[in-house]
Amino acid sequence: MDVGIVLTHIICTDWVKSLLTSTLAFDITQFFLFLNYQLLSLILAKAGFDFRILSFFGDYLVGKKTTYYWNNFFSLSFNISIGIEQGAALLPILSALYLSPILYIFEKRL
């Protein structure tokens, strides 16, 4: 379902009830490709996660490699230090943890 349609429906429904609705939207099209591993480690440490969990994620996020394929062209494999591949099992958890500081700031400011 299109998020824009859902948000429009919620806002229009609130208008009918004479309610005022505010929305905040993020464009996260390329979000997962640019997660910074060092920042994620700092966020986990600041959140008070156990050292063993920090160590696990540190190991999970290092040694990543990628190769580009285009038609019949194959690039050499090279190391990458950012991004989490689409479909990774921990992607939803890591992205939620990565966004948690900004959500915390928003909550405190509102």
PDB file of N, CA and C in Angstrom:
ATOM      1  N   MET A   1       0.844  -1.170   0.000  1.00  0.00           N
ATOM      2  CA  MET A   1       0.000   0.000   0.000  1.00  0.00           C
ATOM      3  C   MET A   1       0.894   1.238   0.000  1.00  0.00           C
ATOM      4  N   ASP A   2       0.518   2.237  -0.753  1.00  0.00           N
ATOM      5  CA  ASP A   2       1.278   3.477  -0.866  1.00  0.00           C
ATOM      6  C   ASP A   2       1.141   4.292   0.414  1.00  0.00           C
ATOM      7  N   VAL A   3       2.279   4.672   0.994  1.00  0.00           N
ATOM      8  CA  VAL A   3       2.288   5.429   2.245  1.00  0.00           C
ATOM      9  C   VAL A   3       1.600   6.779   2.070  1.00  0.00           C
ATOM     10  N   GLY A   4       1.790   7.405   0.919  1.00  0.00           N
ATOM     11  CA  GLY A   4       1.156   8.699   0.661  1.00  0.00           C
ATOM     12  C   GLY A   4      -0.352   8.622   0.724  1.00  0.00           C
ATOM     13  N   ILE A   5      -0.903   7.546   0.183  1.00  0.00           N
ATOM     14  CA  ILE A   5      -2.358   7.358   0.204  1.00  0.00           C
ATOM     15  C   ILE A   5      -2.841   7.178   1.643  1.00  0.00           C
ATOM     16  N   VAL A   6      -2.101   6.385   2.414  1.00  0.00           N
ATOM     17  CA  VAL A   6      -2.483   6.141   3.809  1.00  0.00           C
ATOM     18  C   VAL A   6      -2.436   7.442   4.611  1.00  0.00           C
ATOM     19  N   LEU A   7      -1.344   8.217   4.454  1.00  0.00           N
ATOM     20  CA  LEU A   7      -1.241   9.486   5.179  1.00  0.00           C
ATOM     21  C   LEU A   7      -2.351  10.451   4.783  1.00  0.00           C
ATOM     22  N   THR A   8      -2.643  10.521   3.503  1.00  0.00           N
ATOM     23  CA  THR A   8      -3.721  11.396   3.031  1.00  0.00           C
ATOM     24  C   THR A   8      -5.052  10.984   3.636  1.00  0.00           C
ATOM     25  N   HIS A   9      -5.310   9.698   3.694  1.00  0.00           N
ATOM     26  CA  HIS A   9      -6.549   9.196   4.287  1.00  0.00           C
ATOM     27  C   HIS A   9      -6.646   9.585   5.766  1.00  0.00           C
ATOM     28  N   ILE A  10      -5.537   9.395   6.502  1.00  0.00           N
ATOM     29  CA  ILE A  10      -5.543   9.720   7.934  1.00  0.00           C
ATOM     30  C   ILE A  10      -5.801  11.214   8.139  1.00  0.00           C
ATOM     31  N   ILE A  11      -5.134  12.054   7.362  1.00  0.00           N
ATOM     32  CA  ILE A  11      -5.304  13.501   7.499  1.00  0.00           C
ATOM     33  C   ILE A  11      -6.734  13.914   7.161  1.00  0.00           C
ATOM     34  N   CYS A  12      -7.278  13.404   6.071  1.00  0.00           N
ATOM     35  CA  CYS A  12      -8.654  13.765   5.679  1.00  0.00           C
ATOM     36  C   CYS A  12      -9.671  13.279   6.701  1.00  0.00           C
ATOM     37  N   THR A  13      -9.450  12.089   7.253  1.00  0.00           N
ATOM     38  CA  THR A  13     -10.346  11.566   8.286  1.00  0.00           C
ATOM     39  C   THR A  13     -10.310  12.472   9.522  1.00  0.00           C
ATOM     40  N   ASP A  14      -9.117  12.936   9.886  1.00  0.00           N
ATOM     41  CA  ASP A  14      -8.996  13.842  11.034  1.00  0.00           C
ATOM     42  C   ASP A  14      -9.661  15.190  10.755  1.00  0.00           C
ATOM     43  N   TRP A  15      -9.556  15.675   9.526  1.00  0.00           N
ATOM     44  CA  TRP A  15     -10.218  16.937   9.170  1.00  0.00           C
ATOM     45  C   TRP A  15     -11.724  16.843   9.381  1.00  0.00           C
ATOM     46  N   VAL A  16     -12.296  15.694   8.984  1.00  0.00           N
ATOM     47  CA  VAL A  16     -13.732  15.492   9.159  1.00  0.00           C
ATOM     48  C   VAL A  16     -14.096  15.547  10.642  1.00  0.00           C
ATOM     49  N   LYS A  17     -13.193  15.084  11.490  1.00  0.00           N
ATOM     50  CA  LYS A  17     -13.424  15.109  12.941  1.00  0.00           C
ATOM     51  C   LYS A  17     -12.998  16.435  13.564  1.00  0.00           C
ATOM     52  N   SER A  18     -12.625  17.416  12.725  1.00  0.00           N
ATOM     53  CA  SER A  18     -12.149  18.734  13.173  1.00  0.00           C
ATOM     54  C   SER A  18     -10.871  18.645  14.001  1.00  0.00           C
ATOM     55  N   LEU A  19     -10.032  17.684  13.679  1.00  0.00           N
ATOM     56  CA  LEU A  19      -8.755  17.524  14.362  1.00  0.00           C
ATOM     57  C   LEU A  19      -7.637  18.100  13.498  1.00  0.00           C
ATOM     58  N   LEU A  20      -6.578  18.522  14.138  1.00  0.00           N
ATOM     59  CA  LEU A  20      -5.400  19.011  13.442  1.00  0.00           C
ATOM     60  C   LEU A  20      -4.369  17.893  13.446  1.00  0.00           C
ATOM     61  N   THR A  21      -3.837  17.561  12.291  1.00  0.00           N
ATOM     62  CA  THR A  21      -2.885  16.463  12.183  1.00  0.00           C
ATOM     63  C   THR A  21      -1.581  16.970  11.597  1.00  0.00           C
ATOM     64  N   SER A  22      -0.482  16.610  12.216  1.00  0.00           N
ATOM     65  CA  SER A  22       0.848  16.935  11.704  1.00  0.00           C
ATOM     66  C   SER A  22       1.534  15.649  11.277  1.00  0.00           C
ATOM     67  N   THR A  23       2.331  15.758  10.235  1.00  0.00           N
ATOM     68  CA  THR A  23       3.076  14.584   9.775  1.00  0.00           C
ATOM     69  C   THR A  23       4.535  14.955   9.569  1.00  0.00           C
ATOM     70  N   LEU A  24       5.378  13.973   9.685  1.00  0.00           N
ATOM     71  CA  LEU A  24       6.792  14.111   9.399  1.00  0.00           C
ATOM     72  C   LEU A  24       7.171  12.906   8.557  1.00  0.00           C
ATOM     73  N   ALA A  25       7.718  13.142   7.381  1.00  0.00           N
ATOM     74  CA  ALA A  25       8.063  12.049   6.476  1.00  0.00           C
ATOM     75  C   ALA A  25       9.547  12.114   6.125  1.00  0.00           C
ATOM     76  N   PHE A  26      10.155  10.967   5.975  1.00  0.00           N
ATOM     77  CA  PHE A  26      11.550  10.846   5.571  1.00  0.00           C
ATOM     78  C   PHE A  26      11.616  10.092   4.254  1.00  0.00           C
ATOM     79  N   ASP A  27      12.486  10.515   3.380  1.00  0.00           N
ATOM     80  CA  ASP A  27      12.754   9.764   2.155  1.00  0.00           C
ATOM     81  C   ASP A  27      13.943   8.864   2.445  1.00  0.00           C
ATOM     82  N   ILE A  28      13.683   7.569   2.593  1.00  0.00           N
ATOM     83  CA  ILE A  28      14.748   6.635   2.960  1.00  0.00           C
ATOM     84  C   ILE A  28      15.095   5.703   1.807  1.00  0.00           C
ATOM     85  N   THR A  29      14.949   6.192   0.580  1.00  0.00           N
ATOM     86  CA  THR A  29      15.194   5.376  -0.598  1.00  0.00           C
ATOM     87  C   THR A  29      16.557   4.702  -0.553  1.00  0.00           C
ATOM     88  N   GLN A  30      17.592   5.436  -0.261  1.00  0.00           N
ATOM     89  CA  GLN A  30      18.952   4.888  -0.236  1.00  0.00           C
ATOM     90  C   GLN A  30      19.511   4.779   1.182  1.00  0.00           C
ATOM     91  N   PHE A  31      18.643   4.829   2.159  1.00  0.00           N
ATOM     92  CA  PHE A  31      19.056   4.856   3.556  1.00  0.00           C
ATOM     93  C   PHE A  31      19.965   3.697   3.934  1.00  0.00           C
ATOM     94  N   PHE A  32      19.568   2.475   3.608  1.00  0.00           N
ATOM     95  CA  PHE A  32      20.284   1.298   4.072  1.00  0.00           C
ATOM     96  C   PHE A  32      21.663   1.160   3.439  1.00  0.00           C
ATOM     97  N   LEU A  33      21.824   1.745   2.261  1.00  0.00           N
ATOM     98  CA  LEU A  33      23.117   1.647   1.586  1.00  0.00           C
ATOM     99  C   LEU A  33      24.179   2.529   2.235  1.00  0.00           C
ATOM    100  N   PHE A  34      23.761   3.463   3.073  1.00  0.00           N
ATOM    101  CA  PHE A  34      24.703   4.429   3.609  1.00  0.00           C
ATOM    102  C   PHE A  34      24.769   4.457   5.131  1.00  0.00           C
ATOM    103  N   LEU A  35      24.375   3.382   5.789  1.00  0.00           N
ATOM    104  CA  LEU A  35      24.516   3.320   7.240  1.00  0.00           C
ATOM    105  C   LEU A  35      26.000   3.290   7.584  1.00  0.00           C
ATOM    106  N   ASN A  36      26.418   4.174   8.455  1.00  0.00           N
ATOM    107  CA  ASN A  36      27.805   4.265   8.864  1.00  0.00           C
ATOM    108  C   ASN A  36      28.031   3.314  10.033  1.00  0.00           C
ATOM    109  N   TYR A  37      28.923   2.338   9.857  1.00  0.00           N
ATOM    110  CA  TYR A  37      29.155   1.325  10.881  1.00  0.00           C
ATOM    111  C   TYR A  37      29.710   1.914  12.175  1.00  0.00           C
ATOM    112  N   GLN A  38      30.606   2.877  12.061  1.00  0.00           N
ATOM    113  CA  GLN A  38      31.185   3.465  13.268  1.00  0.00           C
ATOM    114  C   GLN A  38      30.126   4.212  14.072  1.00  0.00           C
ATOM    115  N   LEU A  39      29.265   4.949  13.378  1.00  0.00           N
ATOM    116  CA  LEU A  39      28.194   5.652  14.072  1.00  0.00           C
ATOM    117  C   LEU A  39      27.239   4.660  14.733  1.00  0.00           C
ATOM    118  N   LEU A  40      26.927   3.588  14.038  1.00  0.00           N
ATOM    119  CA  LEU A  40      26.046   2.574  14.615  1.00  0.00           C
ATOM    120  C   LEU A  40      26.658   1.977  15.877  1.00  0.00           C
ATOM    121  N   SER A  41      27.947   1.732  15.869  1.00  0.00           N
ATOM    122  CA  SER A  41      28.620   1.204  17.062  1.00  0.00           C
ATOM    123  C   SER A  41      28.551   2.198  18.215  1.00  0.00           C
ATOM    124  N   LEU A  42      28.728   3.479  17.910  1.00  0.00           N
ATOM    125  CA  LEU A  42      28.614   4.508  18.950  1.00  0.00           C
ATOM    126  C   LEU A  42      27.206   4.589  19.512  1.00  0.00           C
ATOM    127  N   ILE A  43      26.208   4.479  18.649  1.00  0.00           N
ATOM    128  CA  ILE A  43      24.812   4.516  19.090  1.00  0.00           C
ATOM    129  C   ILE A  43      24.521   3.349  20.025  1.00  0.00           C
ATOM    130  N   LEU A  44      24.997   2.159  19.658  1.00  0.00           N
ATOM    131  CA  LEU A  44      24.768   0.978  20.498  1.00  0.00           C
ATOM    132  C   LEU A  44      25.463   1.133  21.849  1.00  0.00           C
ATOM    133  N   ALA A  45      26.677   1.668  21.837  1.00  0.00           N
ATOM    134  CA  ALA A  45      27.400   1.871  23.102  1.00  0.00           C
ATOM    135  C   ALA A  45      26.688   2.904  23.970  1.00  0.00           C
ATOM    136  N   LYS A  46      26.249   4.003  23.372  1.00  0.00           N
ATOM    137  CA  LYS A  46      25.552   5.068  24.106  1.00  0.00           C
ATOM    138  C   LYS A  46      24.231   4.557  24.686  1.00  0.00           C
ATOM    139  N   ALA A  47      23.589   3.638  23.956  1.00  0.00           N
ATOM    140  CA  ALA A  47      22.323   3.073  24.427  1.00  0.00           C
ATOM    141  C   ALA A  47      22.522   2.081  25.573  1.00  0.00           C
ATOM    142  N   GLY A  48      23.779   1.744  25.869  1.00  0.00           N
ATOM    143  CA  GLY A  48      24.058   0.887  27.016  1.00  0.00           C
ATOM    144  C   GLY A  48      24.041  -0.603  26.726  1.00  0.00           C
ATOM    145  N   PHE A  49      24.194  -0.981  25.461  1.00  0.00           N
ATOM    146  CA  PHE A  49      24.221  -2.399  25.133  1.00  0.00           C
ATOM    147  C   PHE A  49      25.456  -3.064  25.728  1.00  0.00           C
ATOM    148  N   ASP A  50      25.311  -4.299  26.082  1.00  0.00           N
ATOM    149  CA  ASP A  50      26.393  -5.098  26.640  1.00  0.00           C
ATOM    150  C   ASP A  50      27.556  -5.183  25.650  1.00  0.00           C
ATOM    151  N   PHE A  51      28.771  -5.287  26.194  1.00  0.00           N
ATOM    152  CA  PHE A  51      29.977  -5.365  25.361  1.00  0.00           C
ATOM    153  C   PHE A  51      29.906  -6.526  24.372  1.00  0.00           C
ATOM    154  N   ARG A  52      29.311  -7.649  24.786  1.00  0.00           N
ATOM    155  CA  ARG A  52      29.225  -8.811  23.885  1.00  0.00           C
ATOM    156  C   ARG A  52      28.369  -8.498  22.659  1.00  0.00           C
ATOM    157  N   ILE A  53      27.320  -7.716  22.856  1.00  0.00           N
ATOM    158  CA  ILE A  53      26.473  -7.320  21.721  1.00  0.00           C
ATOM    159  C   ILE A  53      27.231  -6.347  20.826  1.00  0.00           C
ATOM    160  N   LEU A  54      27.939  -5.396  21.429  1.00  0.00           N
ATOM    161  CA  LEU A  54      28.751  -4.466  20.649  1.00  0.00           C
ATOM    162  C   LEU A  54      29.798  -5.221  19.842  1.00  0.00           C
ATOM    163  N   SER A  55      30.402  -6.207  20.457  1.00  0.00           N
ATOM    164  CA  SER A  55      31.415  -7.011  19.783  1.00  0.00           C
ATOM    165  C   SER A  55      30.797  -7.800  18.622  1.00  0.00           C
ATOM    166  N   PHE A  56      29.604  -8.384  18.853  1.00  0.00           N
ATOM    167  CA  PHE A  56      28.923  -9.135  17.804  1.00  0.00           C
ATOM    168  C   PHE A  56      28.658  -8.251  16.587  1.00  0.00           C
ATOM    169  N   PHE A  57      28.051  -7.069  16.828  1.00  0.00           N
ATOM    170  CA  PHE A  57      27.746  -6.183  15.713  1.00  0.00           C
ATOM    171  C   PHE A  57      29.018  -5.669  15.044  1.00  0.00           C
ATOM    172  N   GLY A  58      30.057  -5.436  15.841  1.00  0.00           N
ATOM    173  CA  GLY A  58      31.330  -5.024  15.260  1.00  0.00           C
ATOM    174  C   GLY A  58      31.858  -6.072  14.296  1.00  0.00           C
ATOM    175  N   ASP A  59      31.764  -7.357  14.693  1.00  0.00           N
ATOM    176  CA  ASP A  59      32.204  -8.441  13.813  1.00  0.00           C
ATOM    177  C   ASP A  59      31.273  -8.607  12.616  1.00  0.00           C
ATOM    178  N   TYR A  60      29.984  -8.419  12.844  1.00  0.00           N
ATOM    179  CA  TYR A  60      28.992  -8.587  11.772  1.00  0.00           C
ATOM    180  C   TYR A  60      29.192  -7.539  10.678  1.00  0.00           C
ATOM    181  N   LEU A  61      29.622  -6.362  11.070  1.00  0.00           N
ATOM    182  CA  LEU A  61      29.702  -5.251  10.131  1.00  0.00           C
ATOM    183  C   LEU A  61      31.072  -5.069   9.477  1.00  0.00           C
ATOM    184  N   VAL A  62      32.061  -5.859   9.852  1.00  0.00           N
ATOM    185  CA  VAL A  62      33.383  -5.711   9.237  1.00  0.00           C
ATOM    186  C   VAL A  62      33.609  -6.789   8.192  1.00  0.00           C
ATOM    187  N   GLY A  63      34.528  -6.499   7.306  1.00  0.00           N
ATOM    188  CA  GLY A  63      34.896  -7.479   6.289  1.00  0.00           C
ATOM    189  C   GLY A  63      33.885  -7.617   5.174  1.00  0.00           C
ATOM    190  N   LYS A  64      33.025  -6.628   4.995  1.00  0.00           N
ATOM    191  CA  LYS A  64      32.035  -6.684   3.917  1.00  0.00           C
ATOM    192  C   LYS A  64      32.717  -6.363   2.602  1.00  0.00           C
ATOM    193  N   LYS A  65      32.349  -7.088   1.566  1.00  0.00           N
ATOM    194  CA  LYS A  65      32.895  -6.874   0.232  1.00  0.00           C
ATOM    195  C   LYS A  65      31.753  -6.793  -0.765  1.00  0.00           C
ATOM    196  N   THR A  66      32.018  -6.148  -1.875  1.00  0.00           N
ATOM    197  CA  THR A  66      31.023  -6.080  -2.933  1.00  0.00           C
ATOM    198  C   THR A  66      31.705  -6.174  -4.291  1.00  0.00           C
ATOM    199  N   THR A  67      30.923  -6.559  -5.274  1.00  0.00           N
ATOM    200  CA  THR A  67      31.367  -6.632  -6.660  1.00  0.00           C
ATOM    201  C   THR A  67      30.250  -6.085  -7.518  1.00  0.00           C
ATOM    202  N   TYR A  68      30.599  -5.305  -8.503  1.00  0.00           N
ATOM    203  CA  TYR A  68      29.593  -4.772  -9.415  1.00  0.00           C
ATOM    204  C   TYR A  68      29.501  -5.641 -10.659  1.00  0.00           C
ATOM    205  N   TYR A  69      28.279  -5.913 -11.075  1.00  0.00           N
ATOM    206  CA  TYR A  69      28.014  -6.652 -12.305  1.00  0.00           C
ATOM    207  C   TYR A  69      27.214  -5.765 -13.241  1.00  0.00           C
ATOM    208  N   TRP A  70      27.633  -5.669 -14.479  1.00  0.00           N
ATOM    209  CA  TRP A  70      26.898  -4.895 -15.470  1.00  0.00           C
ATOM    210  C   TRP A  70      26.997  -5.636 -16.793  1.00  0.00           C
ATOM    211  N   ASN A  71      25.882  -6.207 -17.243  1.00  0.00           N
ATOM    212  CA  ASN A  71      25.863  -7.053 -18.443  1.00  0.00           C
ATOM    213  C   ASN A  71      26.922  -8.134 -18.290  1.00  0.00           C
ATOM    214  N   ASN A  72      27.969  -8.098 -19.094  1.00  0.00           N
ATOM    215  CA  ASN A  72      29.022  -9.114 -18.999  1.00  0.00           C
ATOM    216  C   ASN A  72      30.244  -8.637 -18.227  1.00  0.00           C
ATOM    217  N   PHE A  73      30.183  -7.427 -17.666  1.00  0.00           N
ATOM    218  CA  PHE A  73      31.308  -6.868 -16.920  1.00  0.00           C
ATOM    219  C   PHE A  73      31.204  -7.256 -15.446  1.00  0.00           C
ATOM    220  N   PHE A  74      32.307  -7.723 -14.894  1.00  0.00           N
ATOM    221  CA  PHE A  74      32.408  -8.041 -13.474  1.00  0.00           C
ATOM    222  C   PHE A  74      33.585  -7.247 -12.905  1.00  0.00           C
ATOM    223  N   SER A  75      33.332  -6.410 -11.912  1.00  0.00           N
ATOM    224  CA  SER A  75      34.426  -5.658 -11.296  1.00  0.00           C
ATOM    225  C   SER A  75      35.183  -6.556 -10.335  1.00  0.00           C
ATOM    226  N   LEU A  76      36.339  -6.095  -9.928  1.00  0.00           N
ATOM    227  CA  LEU A  76      37.065  -6.785  -8.873  1.00  0.00           C
ATOM    228  C   LEU A  76      36.293  -6.608  -7.568  1.00  0.00           C
ATOM    229  N   SER A  77      36.458  -7.522  -6.657  1.00  0.00           N
ATOM    230  CA  SER A  77      35.825  -7.416  -5.342  1.00  0.00           C
ATOM    231  C   SER A  77      36.580  -6.378  -4.519  1.00  0.00           C
ATOM    232  N   PHE A  78      35.840  -5.522  -3.800  1.00  0.00           N
ATOM    233  CA  PHE A  78      36.497  -4.535  -2.959  1.00  0.00           C
ATOM    234  C   PHE A  78      35.736  -4.373  -1.650  1.00  0.00           C
ATOM    235  N   ASN A  79      36.481  -3.941  -0.631  1.00  0.00           N
ATOM    236  CA  ASN A  79      35.915  -3.764   0.709  1.00  0.00           C
ATOM    237  C   ASN A  79      34.991  -2.561   0.738  1.00  0.00           C
ATOM    238  N   ILE A  80      33.949  -2.671   1.547  1.00  0.00           N
ATOM    239  CA  ILE A  80      33.055  -1.546   1.774  1.00  0.00           C
ATOM    240  C   ILE A  80      32.939  -1.330   3.276  1.00  0.00           C
ATOM    241  N   SER A  81      32.797  -0.082   3.670  1.00  0.00           N
ATOM    242  CA  SER A  81      32.737   0.223   5.099  1.00  0.00           C
ATOM    243  C   SER A  81      31.408   0.854   5.491  1.00  0.00           C
ATOM    244  N   ILE A  82      30.474   0.908   4.556  1.00  0.00           N
ATOM    245  CA  ILE A  82      29.150   1.453   4.855  1.00  0.00           C
ATOM    246  C   ILE A  82      28.098   0.574   4.209  1.00  0.00           C
ATOM    247  N   GLY A  83      26.883   0.720   4.679  1.00  0.00           N
ATOM    248  CA  GLY A  83      25.747   0.060   4.059  1.00  0.00           C
ATOM    249  C   GLY A  83      25.484  -1.337   4.577  1.00  0.00           C
ATOM    250  N   ILE A  84      24.240  -1.699   4.524  1.00  0.00           N
ATOM    251  CA  ILE A  84      23.816  -3.048   4.877  1.00  0.00           C
ATOM    252  C   ILE A  84      23.019  -3.565   3.698  1.00  0.00           C
ATOM    253  N   GLU A  85      23.390  -4.731   3.228  1.00  0.00           N
ATOM    254  CA  GLU A  85      22.761  -5.249   2.023  1.00  0.00           C
ATOM    255  C   GLU A  85      21.266  -5.477   2.223  1.00  0.00           C
ATOM    256  N   GLN A  86      20.522  -5.201   1.156  1.00  0.00           N
ATOM    257  CA  GLN A  86      19.072  -5.398   1.172  1.00  0.00           C
ATOM    258  C   GLN A  86      18.777  -6.858   1.481  1.00  0.00           C
ATOM    259  N   GLY A  87      17.860  -7.100   2.367  1.00  0.00           N
ATOM    260  CA  GLY A  87      17.473  -8.459   2.712  1.00  0.00           C
ATOM    261  C   GLY A  87      18.279  -9.069   3.846  1.00  0.00           C
ATOM    262  N   ALA A  88      19.245  -8.331   4.389  1.00  0.00           N
ATOM    263  CA  ALA A  88      20.020  -8.854   5.517  1.00  0.00           C
ATOM    264  C   ALA A  88      19.082  -9.086   6.703  1.00  0.00           C
ATOM    265  N   ALA A  89      19.308 -10.171   7.414  1.00  0.00           N
ATOM    266  CA  ALA A  89      18.416 -10.549   8.516  1.00  0.00           C
ATOM    267  C   ALA A  89      18.336  -9.478   9.599  1.00  0.00           C
ATOM    268  N   LEU A  90      19.422  -8.793   9.854  1.00  0.00           N
ATOM    269  CA  LEU A  90      19.450  -7.806  10.932  1.00  0.00           C
ATOM    270  C   LEU A  90      19.125  -6.395  10.458  1.00  0.00           C
ATOM    271  N   LEU A  91      18.795  -6.223   9.201  1.00  0.00           N
ATOM    272  CA  LEU A  91      18.528  -4.897   8.649  1.00  0.00           C
ATOM    273  C   LEU A  91      17.439  -4.133   9.402  1.00  0.00           C
ATOM    274  N   PRO A  92      16.274  -4.709   9.680  1.00  0.00           N
ATOM    275  CA  PRO A  92      15.246  -3.946  10.403  1.00  0.00           C
ATOM    276  C   PRO A  92      15.693  -3.510  11.797  1.00  0.00           C
ATOM    277  N   ILE A  93      16.397  -4.387  12.496  1.00  0.00           N
ATOM    278  CA  ILE A  93      16.848  -4.069  13.847  1.00  0.00           C
ATOM    279  C   ILE A  93      17.904  -2.972  13.812  1.00  0.00           C
ATOM    280  N   LEU A  94      18.888  -3.117  12.932  1.00  0.00           N
ATOM    281  CA  LEU A  94      19.961  -2.139  12.847  1.00  0.00           C
ATOM    282  C   LEU A  94      19.458  -0.770  12.406  1.00  0.00           C
ATOM    283  N   SER A  95      18.536  -0.757  11.465  1.00  0.00           N
ATOM    284  CA  SER A  95      18.016   0.536  11.002  1.00  0.00           C
ATOM    285  C   SER A  95      17.201   1.222  12.103  1.00  0.00           C
ATOM    286  N   ALA A  96      16.433   0.452  12.874  1.00  0.00           N
ATOM    287  CA  ALA A  96      15.668   1.037  13.985  1.00  0.00           C
ATOM    288  C   ALA A  96      16.612   1.608  15.046  1.00  0.00           C
ATOM    289  N   LEU A  97      17.670   0.881  15.357  1.00  0.00           N
ATOM    290  CA  LEU A  97      18.648   1.375  16.326  1.00  0.00           C
ATOM    291  C   LEU A  97      19.368   2.608  15.790  1.00  0.00           C
ATOM    292  N   TYR A  98      19.651   2.617  14.509  1.00  0.00           N
ATOM    293  CA  TYR A  98      20.342   3.738  13.873  1.00  0.00           C
ATOM    294  C   TYR A  98      19.497   5.009  13.930  1.00  0.00           C
ATOM    295  N   LEU A  99      18.186   4.857  13.789  1.00  0.00           N
ATOM    296  CA  LEU A  99      17.277   6.007  13.817  1.00  0.00           C
ATOM    297  C   LEU A  99      16.889   6.436  15.227  1.00  0.00           C
ATOM    298  N   SER A 100      17.162   5.618  16.217  1.00  0.00           N
ATOM    299  CA  SER A 100      16.696   5.900  17.577  1.00  0.00           C
ATOM    300  C   SER A 100      17.169   7.249  18.127  1.00  0.00           C
ATOM    301  N   PRO A 101      18.401   7.702  17.909  1.00  0.00           N
ATOM    302  CA  PRO A 101      18.785   9.021  18.460  1.00  0.00           C
ATOM    303  C   PRO A 101      17.954  10.168  17.900  1.00  0.00           C
ATOM    304  N   ILE A 102      17.678  10.154  16.611  1.00  0.00           N
ATOM    305  CA  ILE A 102      16.888  11.257  16.045  1.00  0.00           C
ATOM    306  C   ILE A 102      15.452  11.216  16.557  1.00  0.00           C
ATOM    307  N   LEU A 103      14.913  10.026  16.741  1.00  0.00           N
ATOM    308  CA  LEU A 103      13.564   9.911  17.297  1.00  0.00           C
ATOM    309  C   LEU A 103      13.545  10.382  18.755  1.00  0.00           C
ATOM    310  N   TYR A 104      14.607  10.100  19.488  1.00  0.00           N
ATOM    311  CA  TYR A 104      14.725  10.570  20.870  1.00  0.00           C
ATOM    312  C   TYR A 104      14.752  12.092  20.908  1.00  0.00           C
ATOM    313  N   ILE A 105      15.525  12.699  20.020  1.00  0.00           N
ATOM    314  CA  ILE A 105      15.615  14.164  19.949  1.00  0.00           C
ATOM    315  C   ILE A 105      14.254  14.757  19.611  1.00  0.00           C
ATOM    316  N   PHE A 106      13.570  14.183  18.631  1.00  0.00           N
ATOM    317  CA  PHE A 106      12.244  14.665  18.269  1.00  0.00           C
ATOM    318  C   PHE A 106      11.283  14.596  19.449  1.00  0.00           C
ATOM    319  N   GLU A 107      11.330  13.482  20.165  1.00  0.00           N
ATOM    320  CA  GLU A 107      10.431  13.313  21.308  1.00  0.00           C
ATOM    321  C   GLU A 107      10.702  14.385  22.369  1.00  0.00           C
ATOM    322  N   LYS A 108      11.958  14.664  22.658  1.00  0.00           N
ATOM    323  CA  LYS A 108      12.304  15.657  23.674  1.00  0.00           C
ATOM    324  C   LYS A 108      11.929  17.074  23.236  1.00  0.00           C
ATOM    325  N   ARG A 109      12.019  17.361  21.954  1.00  0.00           N
ATOM    326  CA  ARG A 109      11.725  18.718  21.451  1.00  0.00           C
ATOM    327  C   ARG A 109      10.226  18.968  21.318  1.00  0.00           C
ATOM    328  N   LEU A 110       9.449  17.919  21.113  1.00  0.00           N
ATOM    329  CA  LEU A 110       8.006  18.077  20.970  1.00  0.00           C
ATOM    330  C   LEU A 110       7.372  18.135  22.328  1.00  0.00           C
TER     331      LEU A 110
END
